[in-house]
Amino acid sequence: MLNKWFFKHIDNSALVVFRIIFGALCFLESVGAIFTGWIKRTLVEPKFTFNFIGFEWLQPLPGDGMYYYYALMGIFGLLIMVGYKYRLSMICFTLMWSATYLMQKSSYNNHYYLLMLLSAIMVILPANKYASIDAKINPEIKTDAMPQWCRIVIILQLFIVYTYASIAKLYPDWLDATVIETLMRGKKDYVLVGELLQQKWLQYLLAYGGILFDGLIVPLLLYKPTRKYAFGASVIFHIFNSLVFQIGIFPYLSLAFTLFFFPSEVIQKLFLKKKTHYKGGAVIIPKHQNIFLVIFFTYFIIQIGLPLRHHFIAGNVLWTEEGHRLSWRMMLRSKTARTTYWIENKANGKRFKVNLNQYLTKKQVRSASAKPDVIWQFSQRLKKQYKANNMAIGVFVDCQVSVNGKPYQTLINPDIDIANMPWDVFKHSSWLLPVK
């Protein structure tokens, strides 16, 4: 029964159109990073980047290397869009995007993680079977159909993202609109809407609207009577996010997902008028279906499990950030910090203050002042640097953090040498103090 449902063939219009939009957005994201100065600020100006722990070997290319790197990613985006050497282009883009995601955390964004996952998923989807150069060169691959699992995998991934995003908002600072108020303070100067965004009634509307939208949008898109209304809400929601929060391609990528919720006849008539609509419904079970199903369910078990891991780590995730990443915890809090690093010479016990500006960019200073894992990584880097000069040191951190405008509290135990503490991936770090 499961095999018949997964491997039943349906019309592939939604996937074909999505591939074209996806490739175009990959191109825009890549070249946009060049022309907006994102690459310069994030990957060129820093002396080093804060990687995901375990990926320290991934560092930006020297000189203008990262500009060429992103230009090449843009080319792969165009190749994906037109469907030329699709599989190879998709693999190359996925590897390159994943590398840039893992090599820096100063610009961490859940949307970057989503693009990495989607790129990996697109590698295995037969998205070049129609309206592609590949299909024109090799007519034998041309088809109007795809297995139903191709639609299921996109919808299920989207459901996980939105559901966890909604659940994560169910905490006091979001429910009393404190988070939205904090986010909107920086928008006062926006033309026409700056003052409107400061209104408390609107902030409450955005707070509860965000919970309802994230929690209900996928079910409402799946349900035919509410689909059009849900699509209208999606357009308003994502355009608002694009204009107010300026988060690149991702609102438009989110809108592109809605292709998979509408009847394939509608998508075909709107975007692929010359295409024949597939109505066959053939069930074609591949030889290695059991291996496929194991991989499919293993992937989604991991996707469901990762956002839950903070429940098994002591402490408040909003404070310690242990289990925060890869968990769809989007725009949930604002942190400010007053942080001082002290280096202690192990030989004589003397201490001296670290000037962060000598090592870090302004953006990196913000991360190294409030994010525990970045604080630990910077301490390790200082230890390594001084060790190269034959000096054994300890690193002590006086870190006062305010979450969502609340009073400052001590995050790091100032009496513990962070540089000589291990990093526990799935355990609470004892040098992090609890929030009061």
Protein backbone atom coordinates (compact mmCIF):
# COMPACT_ATOMS: atom_id res chain seq x y z
CA MET A 1 0.00 0.00 0.00
CA LEU A 2 2.78 2.45 0.95
CA ASN A 3 4.72 1.61 -2.21
CA LYS A 4 1.65 2.21 -4.36
CA TRP A 5 1.09 5.58 -2.74
CA PHE A 6 4.74 6.72 -2.88
CA PHE A 7 5.46 5.51 -6.39
CA LYS A 8 2.20 6.35 -8.09
CA HIS A 9 2.97 8.70 -10.98
CA ILE A 10 1.36 12.13 -11.11
CA ASP A 11 1.77 15.15 -13.38
CA ASN A 12 5.13 16.90 -12.92
CA SER A 13 4.16 20.47 -13.87
CA ALA A 14 4.67 21.82 -10.33
CA LEU A 15 8.17 20.35 -10.08
CA VAL A 16 9.20 21.65 -13.50
CA VAL A 17 8.04 25.19 -12.75
CA PHE A 18 9.57 25.03 -9.27
CA ARG A 19 12.93 24.02 -10.79
CA ILE A 20 12.90 27.08 -13.03
CA ILE A 21 12.05 29.42 -10.15
CA PHE A 22 14.46 27.67 -7.79
CA GLY A 23 17.35 28.01 -10.23
CA ALA A 24 16.56 31.68 -10.83
CA LEU A 25 16.48 32.35 -7.08
CA CYS A 26 19.78 30.48 -6.57
CA PHE A 27 21.29 32.74 -9.23
CA LEU A 28 19.88 35.89 -7.61
CA GLU A 29 21.01 34.84 -4.13
CA SER A 30 24.54 34.20 -5.39
CA VAL A 31 25.05 37.37 -7.42
CA GLY A 32 23.13 39.40 -4.85
CA ALA A 33 25.68 38.43 -2.22
CA ILE A 34 28.35 39.97 -4.44
CA PHE A 35 26.64 43.24 -5.29
CA THR A 36 25.15 43.95 -1.86
CA GLY A 37 28.54 43.65 -0.19
CA TRP A 38 27.53 40.59 1.83
CA ILE A 39 30.58 38.63 0.69
CA LYS A 40 32.90 41.51 1.52
CA ARG A 41 31.46 41.95 5.03
CA THR A 42 31.13 38.27 5.86
CA LEU A 43 33.86 36.40 4.01
CA VAL A 44 36.51 38.86 2.75
CA GLU A 45 37.03 41.46 5.48
CA PRO A 46 37.28 39.04 8.46
CA LYS A 47 40.72 37.61 9.21
CA PHE A 48 38.97 34.30 9.83
CA THR A 49 35.42 33.03 10.12
CA PHE A 50 33.58 31.25 12.92
CA ASN A 51 32.71 27.86 11.45
CA PHE A 52 30.26 25.31 12.64
CA ILE A 53 32.27 23.43 15.25
CA GLY A 54 34.07 20.56 13.55
CA PHE A 55 34.39 22.37 10.23
CA GLU A 56 37.31 24.63 11.11
CA TRP A 57 39.11 23.43 7.97
CA LEU A 58 36.53 25.31 5.89
CA GLN A 59 37.79 28.86 5.44
CA PRO A 60 37.08 31.46 2.74
CA LEU A 61 39.27 31.52 -0.34
CA PRO A 62 41.99 34.20 -0.22
CA GLY A 63 41.90 37.47 -2.14
CA ASP A 64 38.96 37.76 -4.52
CA GLY A 65 38.40 34.01 -4.43
CA MET A 66 34.98 34.17 -2.79
CA TYR A 67 33.68 36.55 -5.45
CA TYR A 68 34.57 34.00 -8.13
CA TYR A 69 33.16 31.28 -5.91
CA TYR A 70 29.76 32.98 -5.70
CA ALA A 71 29.83 33.89 -9.38
CA LEU A 72 30.29 30.20 -10.15
CA MET A 73 27.37 29.35 -7.86
CA GLY A 74 25.32 31.88 -9.82
CA ILE A 75 26.21 30.10 -13.06
CA PHE A 76 25.12 26.79 -11.57
CA GLY A 77 21.84 28.49 -10.58
CA LEU A 78 21.26 29.48 -14.22
CA LEU A 79 22.08 25.95 -15.38
CA ILE A 80 19.55 24.59 -12.89
CA MET A 81 16.96 27.06 -14.16
CA VAL A 82 17.35 26.03 -17.83
CA GLY A 83 17.88 22.38 -16.94
CA TYR A 84 21.30 21.85 -18.48
CA LYS A 85 23.45 19.14 -16.92
CA TYR A 86 20.86 19.44 -14.18
CA ARG A 87 22.05 16.73 -11.82
CA LEU A 88 25.70 17.82 -11.96
CA SER A 89 24.77 21.50 -11.61
CA MET A 90 22.50 20.75 -8.67
CA ILE A 91 25.18 18.69 -6.92
CA CYS A 92 27.81 21.42 -7.43
CA PHE A 93 25.50 24.15 -6.14
CA THR A 94 24.54 22.05 -3.12
CA LEU A 95 28.16 21.35 -2.17
CA MET A 96 29.23 24.97 -2.65
CA TRP A 97 26.28 26.42 -0.76
CA SER A 98 26.72 23.91 2.07
CA ALA A 99 30.40 24.83 2.34
CA THR A 100 29.64 28.55 2.69
CA TYR A 101 26.90 27.77 5.21
CA LEU A 102 29.24 25.69 7.37
CA MET A 103 32.23 28.02 7.10
CA GLN A 104 30.61 30.99 8.82
CA LYS A 105 28.09 31.64 11.60
CA SER A 106 28.21 35.43 11.85
CA SER A 107 25.37 35.59 9.32
CA TYR A 108 23.58 32.49 10.54
CA ASN A 109 20.05 32.25 9.21
CA ASN A 110 17.53 29.41 9.28
CA HIS A 111 16.74 30.22 5.68
CA TYR A 112 20.32 29.42 4.66
CA TYR A 113 19.92 26.02 6.31
CA LEU A 114 16.61 25.50 4.48
CA LEU A 115 18.25 26.29 1.14
CA MET A 116 20.97 23.73 1.90
CA LEU A 117 18.36 21.05 2.62
CA LEU A 118 16.26 21.94 -0.40
CA SER A 119 19.30 21.88 -2.67
CA ALA A 120 20.16 18.38 -1.46
CA ILE A 121 16.54 17.28 -2.03
CA MET A 122 16.50 18.79 -5.52
CA VAL A 123 19.55 16.68 -6.43
CA ILE A 124 17.40 13.53 -6.33
CA LEU A 125 14.22 15.00 -7.83
CA PRO A 126 13.64 14.40 -11.57
CA ALA A 127 13.10 18.11 -12.19
CA ASN A 128 14.72 18.21 -15.64
CA LYS A 129 12.33 15.87 -17.40
CA TYR A 130 10.45 18.65 -19.17
CA ALA A 131 11.13 22.23 -20.32
CA SER A 132 14.86 21.68 -20.01
CA ILE A 133 17.89 21.62 -22.27
CA ASP A 134 18.61 18.12 -20.97
CA ALA A 135 15.24 16.91 -22.27
CA LYS A 136 15.83 18.63 -25.59
CA ILE A 137 19.26 17.05 -26.03
CA ASN A 138 18.07 13.65 -24.78
CA PRO A 139 14.39 13.28 -25.76
CA GLU A 140 14.28 9.81 -24.19
CA ILE A 141 14.27 11.36 -20.69
CA LYS A 142 11.34 13.65 -21.49
CA THR A 143 8.21 12.85 -19.50
CA ASP A 144 5.08 14.55 -18.19
CA ALA A 145 5.03 12.54 -14.94
CA MET A 146 6.90 12.04 -11.69
CA PRO A 147 6.53 9.73 -8.67
CA GLN A 148 4.20 11.11 -6.00
CA TRP A 149 6.97 11.05 -3.38
CA CYS A 150 8.53 14.05 -5.18
CA ARG A 151 5.57 16.15 -4.06
CA ILE A 152 5.37 14.54 -0.64
CA VAL A 153 9.00 15.29 0.25
CA ILE A 154 8.58 19.01 -0.43
CA ILE A 155 5.30 19.32 1.47
CA LEU A 156 6.57 17.33 4.45
CA GLN A 157 9.77 19.39 4.68
CA LEU A 158 7.70 22.57 4.56
CA PHE A 159 5.31 21.26 7.21
CA ILE A 160 8.19 20.52 9.60
CA VAL A 161 9.69 23.99 9.10
CA TYR A 162 6.45 25.89 9.67
CA THR A 163 5.20 23.71 12.53
CA TYR A 164 8.38 24.08 14.58
CA ALA A 165 8.49 27.80 13.80
CA SER A 166 4.96 28.15 15.20
CA ILE A 167 5.59 26.07 18.33
CA ALA A 168 8.80 27.96 19.12
CA LYS A 169 6.82 31.21 19.29
CA LEU A 170 4.69 29.96 22.16
CA TYR A 171 6.64 31.61 24.95
CA PRO A 172 5.98 34.75 27.05
CA ASP A 173 8.18 37.29 25.22
CA TRP A 174 6.52 36.46 21.92
CA LEU A 175 3.00 36.25 23.32
CA ASP A 176 3.21 39.71 24.89
CA ALA A 177 4.72 41.07 21.63
CA THR A 178 8.02 42.02 23.32
CA VAL A 179 10.02 40.31 20.57
CA ILE A 180 8.11 42.03 17.77
CA GLU A 181 8.43 45.38 19.54
CA THR A 182 12.19 44.89 19.82
CA LEU A 183 12.49 43.93 16.16
CA MET A 184 10.45 46.92 15.04
CA ARG A 185 12.48 49.51 16.93
CA GLY A 186 15.06 49.41 14.18
CA LYS A 187 12.40 50.08 11.54
CA LYS A 188 11.34 53.55 12.72
CA ASP A 189 12.99 55.26 9.78
CA TYR A 190 11.15 53.21 7.15
CA VAL A 191 9.32 55.44 4.71
CA LEU A 192 5.52 55.52 5.19
CA VAL A 193 5.33 52.48 7.51
CA GLY A 194 8.01 53.26 10.11
CA GLU A 195 5.63 54.80 12.63
CA LEU A 196 2.92 52.25 11.91
CA LEU A 197 5.30 49.43 12.81
CA GLN A 198 5.71 50.95 16.28
CA GLN A 199 2.00 50.62 17.07
CA LYS A 200 1.34 48.06 19.79
CA TRP A 201 -1.86 46.78 18.19
CA LEU A 202 0.02 45.97 15.01
CA GLN A 203 2.80 44.27 16.95
CA TYR A 204 0.25 42.03 18.67
CA LEU A 205 -1.33 41.31 15.29
CA LEU A 206 2.05 40.32 13.87
CA ALA A 207 2.91 38.19 16.91
CA TYR A 208 -0.28 36.14 16.93
CA GLY A 209 -0.61 36.25 13.16
CA GLY A 210 2.85 34.70 12.94
CA ILE A 211 1.86 31.84 15.24
CA LEU A 212 -1.34 31.15 13.33
CA PHE A 213 0.23 31.49 9.91
CA ASP A 214 3.13 29.14 10.65
CA GLY A 215 0.91 26.62 12.38
CA LEU A 216 -1.94 26.53 9.87
CA ILE A 217 -0.58 27.47 6.45
CA VAL A 218 0.30 23.96 5.24
CA PRO A 219 -3.02 22.35 6.32
CA LEU A 220 -4.96 25.27 4.84
CA LEU A 221 -3.10 24.98 1.54
CA LEU A 222 -3.78 21.24 1.44
CA TYR A 223 -7.52 21.75 2.05
CA LYS A 224 -9.23 22.77 -1.19
CA PRO A 225 -11.93 25.11 0.28
CA THR A 226 -9.30 27.23 2.07
CA ARG A 227 -6.46 26.97 -0.48
CA LYS A 228 -7.03 30.27 -2.28
CA TYR A 229 -7.39 32.19 0.96
CA ALA A 230 -4.25 30.58 2.35
CA PHE A 231 -2.37 31.48 -0.82
CA GLY A 232 -3.53 35.09 -0.48
CA ALA A 233 -2.35 35.13 3.13
CA SER A 234 1.00 33.69 2.00
CA VAL A 235 1.47 36.47 -0.53
CA ILE A 236 0.77 39.15 2.09
CA PHE A 237 2.89 37.45 4.76
CA HIS A 238 5.95 36.86 2.62
CA ILE A 239 5.90 40.20 0.82
CA PHE A 240 5.66 41.91 4.21
CA ASN A 241 8.66 39.92 5.44
CA SER A 242 10.58 40.77 2.29
CA LEU A 243 9.96 44.50 2.58
CA VAL A 244 10.33 44.87 6.35
CA PHE A 245 13.01 42.33 7.22
CA GLN A 246 14.83 42.25 3.86
CA ILE A 247 15.67 38.55 3.98
CA GLY A 248 16.66 38.03 0.37
CA ILE A 249 15.12 35.37 -1.85
CA PHE A 250 13.44 33.35 0.85
CA PRO A 251 9.96 34.92 0.90
CA TYR A 252 9.79 34.25 -2.84
CA LEU A 253 11.09 30.72 -2.44
CA SER A 254 8.37 30.16 0.13
CA LEU A 255 5.76 31.40 -2.33
CA ALA A 256 7.16 29.04 -4.96
CA PHE A 257 6.41 26.12 -2.62
CA THR A 258 2.69 26.75 -3.08
CA LEU A 259 2.99 25.27 -6.58
CA PHE A 260 2.86 21.82 -4.98
CA PHE A 261 -0.49 22.49 -3.30
CA PHE A 262 -2.55 23.50 -6.32
CA PRO A 263 -4.02 20.99 -8.79
CA SER A 264 -1.45 20.10 -11.43
CA GLU A 265 -3.98 21.02 -14.15
CA VAL A 266 -3.96 24.61 -12.90
CA ILE A 267 -0.16 24.81 -12.85
CA GLN A 268 0.10 23.28 -16.32
CA LYS A 269 -2.46 25.64 -17.84
CA LEU A 270 -0.91 28.71 -16.22
CA PHE A 271 2.78 28.05 -16.88
CA LEU A 272 3.21 25.18 -19.35
CA LYS A 273 0.46 25.60 -21.94
CA LYS A 274 2.16 23.37 -24.54
CA LYS A 275 2.66 20.53 -22.07
CA THR A 276 0.36 17.53 -22.02
CA HIS A 277 -1.24 17.00 -18.64
CA TYR A 278 -0.48 13.55 -17.27
CA LYS A 279 -3.51 11.58 -16.02
CA GLY A 280 -2.21 8.03 -16.18
CA GLY A 281 -1.62 7.25 -12.51
CA ALA A 282 0.79 4.40 -13.26
CA VAL A 283 2.54 2.80 -10.27
CA ILE A 284 6.19 2.16 -11.10
CA ILE A 285 8.05 0.65 -8.16
CA PRO A 286 11.83 0.95 -8.48
CA LYS A 287 14.13 -2.02 -7.85
CA HIS A 288 15.61 -0.54 -4.70
CA GLN A 289 12.43 0.84 -3.18
CA ASN A 290 13.28 -0.50 0.31
CA ILE A 291 16.58 1.38 0.35
CA PHE A 292 14.76 4.50 -0.80
CA LEU A 293 12.13 4.21 1.92
CA VAL A 294 14.79 3.69 4.61
CA ILE A 295 16.63 6.83 3.46
CA PHE A 296 13.36 8.78 3.20
CA PHE A 297 12.15 7.97 6.70
CA THR A 298 15.61 8.27 8.26
CA TYR A 299 15.96 11.78 6.83
CA PHE A 300 12.63 12.92 8.20
CA ILE A 301 13.18 11.30 11.59
CA ILE A 302 16.35 13.38 11.83
CA GLN A 303 14.48 16.49 10.71
CA ILE A 304 11.83 15.92 13.36
CA GLY A 305 14.37 15.04 16.05
CA LEU A 306 16.93 17.83 15.66
CA PRO A 307 14.58 20.66 16.74
CA LEU A 308 13.65 18.67 19.86
CA ARG A 309 17.18 18.16 21.15
CA HIS A 310 17.19 21.29 23.32
CA HIS A 311 14.55 19.63 25.53
CA PHE A 312 17.21 17.08 26.54
CA ILE A 313 19.83 19.72 27.34
CA ALA A 314 19.67 21.52 30.69
CA GLY A 315 18.95 25.24 30.59
CA ASN A 316 16.79 27.66 28.65
CA VAL A 317 17.60 27.44 24.93
CA LEU A 318 16.79 31.14 24.47
CA TRP A 319 19.55 31.90 26.96
CA THR A 320 22.20 29.24 26.37
CA GLU A 321 21.44 28.68 22.64
CA GLU A 322 22.30 25.02 23.11
CA GLY A 323 20.09 23.30 20.55
CA HIS A 324 19.12 26.60 18.92
CA ARG A 325 20.59 26.06 15.47
CA LEU A 326 19.02 23.73 12.87
CA SER A 327 15.75 23.98 14.80
CA TRP A 328 13.64 26.53 12.88
CA ARG A 329 13.72 28.95 15.82
CA MET A 330 13.26 32.04 13.65
CA MET A 331 13.56 35.64 14.93
CA LEU A 332 12.60 34.59 18.45
CA ARG A 333 14.78 36.86 20.50
CA SER A 334 17.08 39.85 20.43
CA LYS A 335 20.32 39.84 22.41
CA THR A 336 22.64 42.63 23.48
CA ALA A 337 25.83 42.00 25.41
CA ARG A 338 28.61 43.68 27.39
CA THR A 339 31.52 41.30 27.16
CA THR A 340 35.18 41.46 28.15
CA TYR A 341 37.80 38.78 27.46
CA TRP A 342 40.74 38.41 29.81
CA ILE A 343 43.89 36.48 28.95
CA GLU A 344 45.81 34.99 31.86
CA ASN A 345 49.47 34.12 31.51
CA LYS A 346 49.77 30.67 33.10
CA ALA A 347 53.44 31.29 33.91
CA ASN A 348 52.94 34.32 36.18
CA GLY A 349 49.17 34.60 36.67
CA LYS A 350 49.00 38.09 35.19
CA ARG A 351 45.90 39.08 33.22
CA PHE A 352 45.32 41.55 30.42
CA LYS A 353 42.22 42.59 28.50
CA VAL A 354 41.62 41.57 24.89
CA ASN A 355 40.82 44.25 22.33
CA LEU A 356 38.25 42.43 20.21
CA ASN A 357 38.54 44.96 17.38
CA GLN A 358 42.09 43.78 16.75
CA TYR A 359 40.81 40.34 15.82
CA LEU A 360 37.19 40.67 14.69
CA THR A 361 34.92 42.69 12.46
CA LYS A 362 32.00 44.56 14.03
CA LYS A 363 29.64 41.78 13.01
CA GLN A 364 31.90 39.14 14.53
CA VAL A 365 32.25 41.15 17.74
CA ARG A 366 28.48 40.95 18.22
CA SER A 367 28.55 37.16 17.83
CA ALA A 368 31.63 36.72 20.05
CA SER A 369 29.96 38.83 22.74
CA ALA A 370 26.66 36.97 23.12
CA LYS A 371 26.76 33.52 21.51
CA PRO A 372 28.26 30.82 23.78
CA ASP A 373 29.62 28.60 21.01
CA VAL A 374 31.31 31.55 19.31
CA ILE A 375 32.73 32.70 22.65
CA TRP A 376 34.19 29.22 23.14
CA GLN A 377 35.60 29.15 19.59
CA PHE A 378 37.23 32.56 19.93
CA SER A 379 38.79 31.47 23.23
CA GLN A 380 40.23 28.41 21.49
CA ARG A 381 41.65 30.61 18.76
CA LEU A 382 43.33 32.91 21.28
CA LYS A 383 44.81 29.89 23.05
CA LYS A 384 46.16 28.50 19.78
CA GLN A 385 47.65 31.84 18.77
CA TYR A 386 49.49 32.32 22.05
CA LYS A 387 50.62 28.71 22.10
CA ALA A 388 52.32 29.33 18.75
CA ASN A 389 54.31 32.04 20.56
CA ASN A 390 55.27 29.58 23.32
CA MET A 391 52.91 31.10 25.86
CA ALA A 392 50.38 29.02 27.79
CA ILE A 393 47.27 31.03 28.57
CA GLY A 394 43.82 30.81 30.03
CA VAL A 395 40.83 32.81 28.75
CA PHE A 396 38.26 34.20 31.17
CA VAL A 397 35.13 35.94 29.98
CA ASP A 398 32.98 38.53 31.75
CA CYS A 399 29.78 38.33 29.72
CA GLN A 400 26.62 40.25 30.60
CA VAL A 401 23.68 39.58 28.29
CA SER A 402 20.23 41.11 27.90
CA VAL A 403 17.53 39.10 26.13
CA ASN A 404 14.63 41.03 24.59
CA GLY A 405 15.50 44.19 26.51
CA LYS A 406 15.43 42.54 29.93
CA PRO A 407 18.03 43.38 32.63
CA TYR A 408 21.57 42.20 31.95
CA GLN A 409 22.57 38.91 33.56
CA THR A 410 25.83 36.99 33.65
CA LEU A 411 25.97 34.33 30.95
CA ILE A 412 29.50 32.95 31.40
CA ASN A 413 31.06 31.89 34.69
CA PRO A 414 33.90 34.44 34.93
CA ASP A 415 36.00 32.11 37.09
CA ILE A 416 36.25 29.32 34.51
CA ASP A 417 39.00 29.16 31.91
CA ILE A 418 36.95 28.78 28.72
CA ALA A 419 39.98 28.07 26.56
CA ASN A 420 40.66 24.86 28.43
CA MET A 421 37.09 23.59 28.56
CA PRO A 422 35.79 20.93 26.14
CA TRP A 423 32.81 21.57 23.88
CA ASP A 424 29.87 19.21 24.36
CA VAL A 425 27.58 19.03 21.34
CA PHE A 426 24.62 17.34 23.03
CA LYS A 427 25.26 18.30 26.66
CA HIS A 428 24.93 21.45 28.70
CA SER A 429 28.20 23.34 29.14
CA SER A 430 28.87 23.75 32.86
CA TRP A 431 30.48 27.17 32.35
CA LEU A 432 27.15 28.63 31.22
CA LEU A 433 25.22 30.15 34.13
CA PRO A 434 21.42 29.77 34.35
CA VAL A 435 19.12 32.68 33.63
CA LYS A 436 17.35 34.03 36.70
